[in-house]
Amino acid sequence: MITWKLTLEYDGSRYSGWQEQKNARTVMGELRRAVEETLGGGVELQGAGRTDAGVHALAQVAHMRAAVKRSKPPESLRREINERLPSDIVLLEMETAAARFHARHDALTRTYMYQISTRKTAFAKRYVWWVKEELDVERMAEAAEMLTGRHDFVCFRAEDSSKPGESTVVVVENAGIETHGSMVVFRIEASHFLWRMVRRIVGVLVRLGRGEITLDDYRQLLDGHASGKLDVAAWTAPASGLFLEEVRY
């Protein structure tokens, strides 16, 4: 049995997320098809995190195990696998790993990036959320910094039927906003994330930037208390602007 560590980038626009599903095209499904054709047999695959439909990755990490007695060098396998992958999925790195390496369990933190465009863009539509209204970015940045630390994100999560009873407390290592011309970039790093948590945080930050909610409203949400007027689920940001940027081990 050989274990490999894989690092991939992908455009999630055409896929129903990372995780394999019946009757749906997924990134992991395409990867499995490509590696099993290359190796000529079944493999075990596991990613560092699930990305939803339409969400992208700059550096998704996965582990792969296969019962092969001898194997080609990882770089040779990487090139062969890439030839079998669609153009919007690329295997960036492939290396042998310790037998017990686990892409999800061994990860220390994950970093997500979200891109908001303040103008209509001809080329980046699939990778941004175009917000037409004027935004108070300084106010949004102040609120983003408040995410750092230990918080109960119960107001920002969607119910995940695959994880009943999951704790909603998350320790955020870093969070912030920076601007690059017409692009507003939000980043957040934590050990783990609740389902749709990042997109809902972004949706709330945009509402704050538009002046539709106050900092006091935002603090209530961050404290785990939502009033009737704070419909966070309805404010979920589009998947198009979200990227899994880095997984740290």
Protein backbone atom coordinates (compact mmCIF):
# COMPACT_ATOMS: atom_id res chain seq x y z
CA MET A 1 0.00 0.00 0.00
CA ILE A 2 1.38 3.39 -1.02
CA THR A 3 0.12 6.76 0.27
CA TRP A 4 0.44 9.99 -1.71
CA LYS A 5 -0.27 13.59 -0.82
CA LEU A 6 -1.97 15.50 -3.66
CA THR A 7 -2.38 19.26 -4.09
CA LEU A 8 -4.95 20.43 -6.65
CA GLU A 9 -6.42 23.59 -8.07
CA TYR A 10 -9.84 23.68 -9.70
CA ASP A 11 -12.55 25.89 -11.06
CA GLY A 12 -15.67 24.63 -9.32
CA SER A 13 -18.15 26.32 -11.69
CA ARG A 14 -19.14 23.12 -13.51
CA TYR A 15 -19.15 20.79 -10.49
CA SER A 16 -21.53 19.87 -7.69
CA GLY A 17 -18.78 20.39 -5.15
CA TRP A 18 -15.74 18.36 -4.14
CA GLN A 19 -17.39 15.36 -2.50
CA GLU A 20 -18.51 12.42 -4.64
CA GLN A 21 -22.28 12.16 -5.14
CA LYS A 22 -24.58 9.83 -7.01
CA ASN A 23 -25.78 11.22 -10.34
CA ALA A 24 -23.70 14.39 -10.02
CA ARG A 25 -20.39 15.51 -11.47
CA THR A 26 -17.90 16.35 -8.73
CA VAL A 27 -14.22 17.26 -8.50
CA MET A 28 -13.39 14.19 -6.44
CA GLY A 29 -15.27 11.99 -8.88
CA GLU A 30 -13.22 13.32 -11.79
CA LEU A 31 -10.01 12.86 -9.80
CA ARG A 32 -10.92 9.27 -8.91
CA ARG A 33 -11.65 8.42 -12.53
CA ALA A 34 -8.29 9.88 -13.65
CA VAL A 35 -6.15 8.19 -10.98
CA GLU A 36 -7.84 4.81 -11.30
CA GLU A 37 -7.35 4.87 -15.07
CA THR A 38 -3.69 5.75 -14.48
CA LEU A 39 -3.03 3.13 -11.80
CA GLY A 40 -5.33 0.47 -13.21
CA GLY A 41 -7.19 -0.19 -9.98
CA GLY A 42 -9.20 1.22 -7.09
CA VAL A 43 -7.87 3.87 -4.71
CA GLU A 44 -8.82 5.47 -1.41
CA LEU A 45 -9.30 9.24 -1.68
CA GLN A 46 -9.98 11.87 0.98
CA GLY A 47 -9.82 15.65 0.74
CA ALA A 48 -8.82 18.17 3.40
CA GLY A 49 -12.23 19.79 3.17
CA ARG A 50 -15.49 19.75 1.25
CA THR A 51 -16.13 22.64 -1.09
CA ASP A 52 -19.71 23.31 -2.17
CA ALA A 53 -21.07 23.46 -5.70
CA GLY A 54 -19.47 26.35 -7.58
CA VAL A 55 -16.68 26.90 -5.03
CA HIS A 56 -13.08 26.91 -6.29
CA ALA A 57 -9.72 25.82 -4.86
CA LEU A 58 -6.23 27.20 -5.28
CA ALA A 59 -4.66 24.45 -3.18
CA GLN A 60 -7.01 21.66 -2.12
CA VAL A 61 -5.09 18.83 -0.46
CA ALA A 62 -6.04 15.15 -0.64
CA HIS A 63 -4.49 11.86 0.28
CA MET A 64 -4.59 8.82 -1.97
CA ARG A 65 -3.82 5.20 -1.10
CA ALA A 66 -3.48 2.32 -3.50
CA ALA A 67 -2.39 -1.30 -3.17
CA VAL A 68 0.41 -1.35 -5.73
CA LYS A 69 3.66 -3.26 -5.36
CA ARG A 70 5.67 -0.91 -7.55
CA SER A 71 4.85 2.55 -8.79
CA LYS A 72 6.23 5.16 -11.14
CA PRO A 73 7.83 8.27 -9.61
CA PRO A 74 5.23 10.75 -8.33
CA GLU A 75 6.09 13.39 -10.94
CA SER A 76 5.56 10.90 -13.75
CA LEU A 77 2.21 9.85 -12.26
CA ARG A 78 1.22 13.50 -11.80
CA ARG A 79 1.71 14.21 -15.51
CA GLU A 80 -0.26 11.10 -16.53
CA ILE A 81 -3.12 11.95 -14.18
CA ASN A 82 -3.25 15.53 -15.48
CA GLU A 83 -3.61 14.23 -19.03
CA ARG A 84 -6.78 12.42 -17.92
CA LEU A 85 -8.26 15.30 -15.93
CA PRO A 86 -10.55 17.94 -17.47
CA SER A 87 -8.95 21.33 -18.13
CA ASP A 88 -10.55 22.96 -15.08
CA ILE A 89 -8.92 20.54 -12.62
CA VAL A 90 -5.13 20.48 -12.28
CA LEU A 91 -2.96 18.29 -10.08
CA LEU A 92 -0.26 20.74 -8.98
CA GLU A 93 1.84 18.50 -6.76
CA MET A 94 2.06 14.81 -5.94
CA GLU A 95 4.42 13.28 -3.41
CA THR A 96 4.68 10.09 -1.39
CA ALA A 97 3.55 10.52 2.21
CA ALA A 98 3.68 8.66 5.51
CA ALA A 99 1.42 5.62 5.54
CA ARG A 100 -0.93 7.18 8.11
CA PHE A 101 -1.08 10.67 6.56
CA HIS A 102 -4.69 11.91 6.48
CA ALA A 103 -5.50 15.03 4.49
CA ARG A 104 -8.42 16.06 6.71
CA HIS A 105 -7.46 14.88 10.19
CA ASP A 106 -3.82 16.04 10.01
CA ALA A 107 -4.63 19.56 8.78
CA LEU A 108 -3.91 22.32 11.32
CA THR A 109 -5.76 25.16 9.60
CA ARG A 110 -7.58 25.97 6.40
CA THR A 111 -7.68 29.39 4.74
CA TYR A 112 -10.55 30.57 2.56
CA MET A 113 -10.53 33.65 0.36
CA TYR A 114 -13.59 35.48 -0.96
CA GLN A 115 -13.46 38.01 -3.82
CA ILE A 116 -15.95 40.86 -4.12
CA SER A 117 -15.82 43.07 -7.20
CA THR A 118 -17.12 46.63 -6.92
CA ARG A 119 -17.44 46.92 -10.70
CA LYS A 120 -18.82 44.80 -13.49
CA THR A 121 -16.05 42.61 -14.87
CA ALA A 122 -15.88 41.04 -18.31
CA PHE A 123 -13.38 38.34 -17.42
CA ALA A 124 -13.81 37.35 -13.77
CA LYS A 125 -17.57 36.87 -13.47
CA ARG A 126 -17.20 33.22 -12.40
CA TYR A 127 -14.71 34.13 -9.65
CA VAL A 128 -16.25 37.14 -7.91
CA TRP A 129 -19.44 38.51 -6.42
CA TRP A 130 -20.22 41.78 -8.13
CA VAL A 131 -21.78 44.10 -5.58
CA LYS A 132 -23.29 47.08 -7.37
CA GLU A 133 -23.98 49.23 -4.31
CA GLU A 134 -21.28 51.38 -2.70
CA LEU A 135 -19.53 49.64 0.18
CA ASP A 136 -17.97 51.05 3.33
CA VAL A 137 -14.91 48.84 3.14
CA GLU A 138 -13.29 50.31 6.25
CA ARG A 139 -16.34 49.34 8.28
CA MET A 140 -16.29 45.85 6.77
CA ALA A 141 -12.58 45.50 7.58
CA GLU A 142 -13.20 46.51 11.20
CA ALA A 143 -15.90 43.87 11.46
CA ALA A 144 -13.74 41.21 9.78
CA GLU A 145 -10.98 41.70 12.36
CA MET A 146 -13.51 41.03 15.12
CA LEU A 147 -13.84 37.46 13.84
CA THR A 148 -10.41 36.50 15.19
CA GLY A 149 -10.65 34.40 18.34
CA ARG A 150 -13.14 31.90 19.75
CA HIS A 151 -16.79 32.48 18.79
CA ASP A 152 -20.04 30.56 18.56
CA PHE A 153 -20.95 30.74 14.86
CA VAL A 154 -24.40 29.22 15.31
CA CYS A 155 -25.94 32.21 13.47
CA PHE A 156 -23.66 31.67 10.46
CA ARG A 157 -23.99 27.94 9.89
CA ALA A 158 -26.36 25.92 7.73
CA GLU A 159 -27.69 22.64 9.12
CA ASP A 160 -25.43 19.80 7.99
CA SER A 161 -27.32 16.50 8.05
CA SER A 162 -24.04 14.59 7.75
CA LYS A 163 -22.80 16.07 11.07
CA PRO A 164 -25.67 15.96 13.58
CA GLY A 165 -24.85 17.60 16.90
CA GLU A 166 -21.74 19.34 15.50
CA SER A 167 -20.32 22.03 17.79
CA THR A 168 -20.79 25.54 16.40
CA VAL A 169 -17.78 26.96 18.27
CA VAL A 170 -14.85 27.77 15.98
CA VAL A 171 -11.48 29.35 16.79
CA VAL A 172 -10.50 31.77 14.02
CA GLU A 173 -6.74 32.27 13.74
CA ASN A 174 -6.83 35.23 11.37
CA ALA A 175 -9.43 37.23 9.44
CA GLY A 176 -9.25 40.44 7.48
CA ILE A 177 -10.06 42.43 4.37
CA GLU A 178 -7.77 44.08 1.86
CA THR A 179 -8.48 45.97 -1.35
CA HIS A 180 -6.81 45.79 -4.75
CA GLY A 181 -8.34 48.44 -6.97
CA SER A 182 -11.95 47.42 -7.53
CA MET A 183 -11.46 44.07 -5.76
CA VAL A 184 -12.31 43.57 -2.08
CA VAL A 185 -10.65 40.41 -0.75
CA PHE A 186 -11.73 38.72 2.49
CA ARG A 187 -9.57 36.00 4.06
CA ILE A 188 -10.24 33.80 7.05
CA GLU A 189 -8.11 31.04 8.61
CA ALA A 190 -9.37 28.50 11.15
CA SER A 191 -8.93 24.87 12.10
CA HIS A 192 -12.32 24.04 10.57
CA PHE A 193 -15.45 25.69 9.22
CA LEU A 194 -19.16 25.03 9.51
CA TRP A 195 -21.19 24.39 6.38
CA ARG A 196 -21.65 27.68 4.45
CA MET A 197 -20.14 29.62 7.33
CA VAL A 198 -17.73 31.65 5.20
CA ARG A 199 -20.34 32.59 2.60
CA ARG A 200 -22.75 33.71 5.31
CA ILE A 201 -20.05 35.78 7.01
CA VAL A 202 -19.35 37.49 3.68
CA GLY A 203 -23.07 38.10 3.14
CA VAL A 204 -23.32 39.77 6.54
CA LEU A 205 -20.18 41.87 5.92
CA VAL A 206 -21.68 43.13 2.65
CA ARG A 207 -24.94 44.04 4.41
CA LEU A 208 -22.85 45.96 6.93
CA GLY A 209 -20.88 47.66 4.16
CA ARG A 210 -24.11 48.73 2.48
CA GLY A 211 -25.35 50.24 5.74
CA GLU A 212 -28.28 47.83 5.97
CA ILE A 213 -27.28 46.55 9.42
CA THR A 214 -25.29 48.13 12.26
CA LEU A 215 -22.14 47.04 14.06
CA ASP A 216 -24.34 46.24 17.06
CA ASP A 217 -26.38 43.89 14.86
CA TYR A 218 -23.13 42.28 13.72
CA ARG A 219 -21.90 41.87 17.30
CA GLN A 220 -25.16 40.14 18.20
CA LEU A 221 -24.61 37.61 15.43
CA LEU A 222 -21.01 37.08 16.50
CA ASP A 223 -22.21 36.47 20.05
CA GLY A 224 -24.62 33.81 18.77
CA HIS A 225 -27.78 35.88 19.12
CA ALA A 226 -29.89 36.74 16.09
CA SER A 227 -32.95 38.96 16.16
CA GLY A 228 -35.84 38.47 13.76
CA LYS A 229 -34.60 41.10 11.30
CA LEU A 230 -31.22 39.39 10.83
CA ASP A 231 -31.99 36.74 8.22
CA VAL A 232 -28.45 35.44 7.71
CA ALA A 233 -29.50 32.45 5.60
CA ALA A 234 -31.04 34.77 3.00
CA TRP A 235 -27.81 36.79 2.89
CA THR A 236 -25.56 33.86 1.93
CA ALA A 237 -22.98 35.12 -0.56
CA PRO A 238 -22.77 33.40 -3.99
CA ALA A 239 -20.40 30.45 -4.33
CA SER A 240 -18.58 32.05 -7.28
CA GLY A 241 -16.31 34.29 -5.18
CA LEU A 242 -15.12 31.62 -2.73
CA PHE A 243 -11.76 29.83 -2.92
CA LEU A 244 -10.10 27.28 -0.64
CA GLU A 245 -6.73 29.00 -0.67
CA GLU A 246 -4.46 26.98 1.60
CA VAL A 247 -4.36 23.98 3.93
CA ARG A 248 -1.62 24.11 6.55
CA TYR A 249 -0.04 21.01 8.16
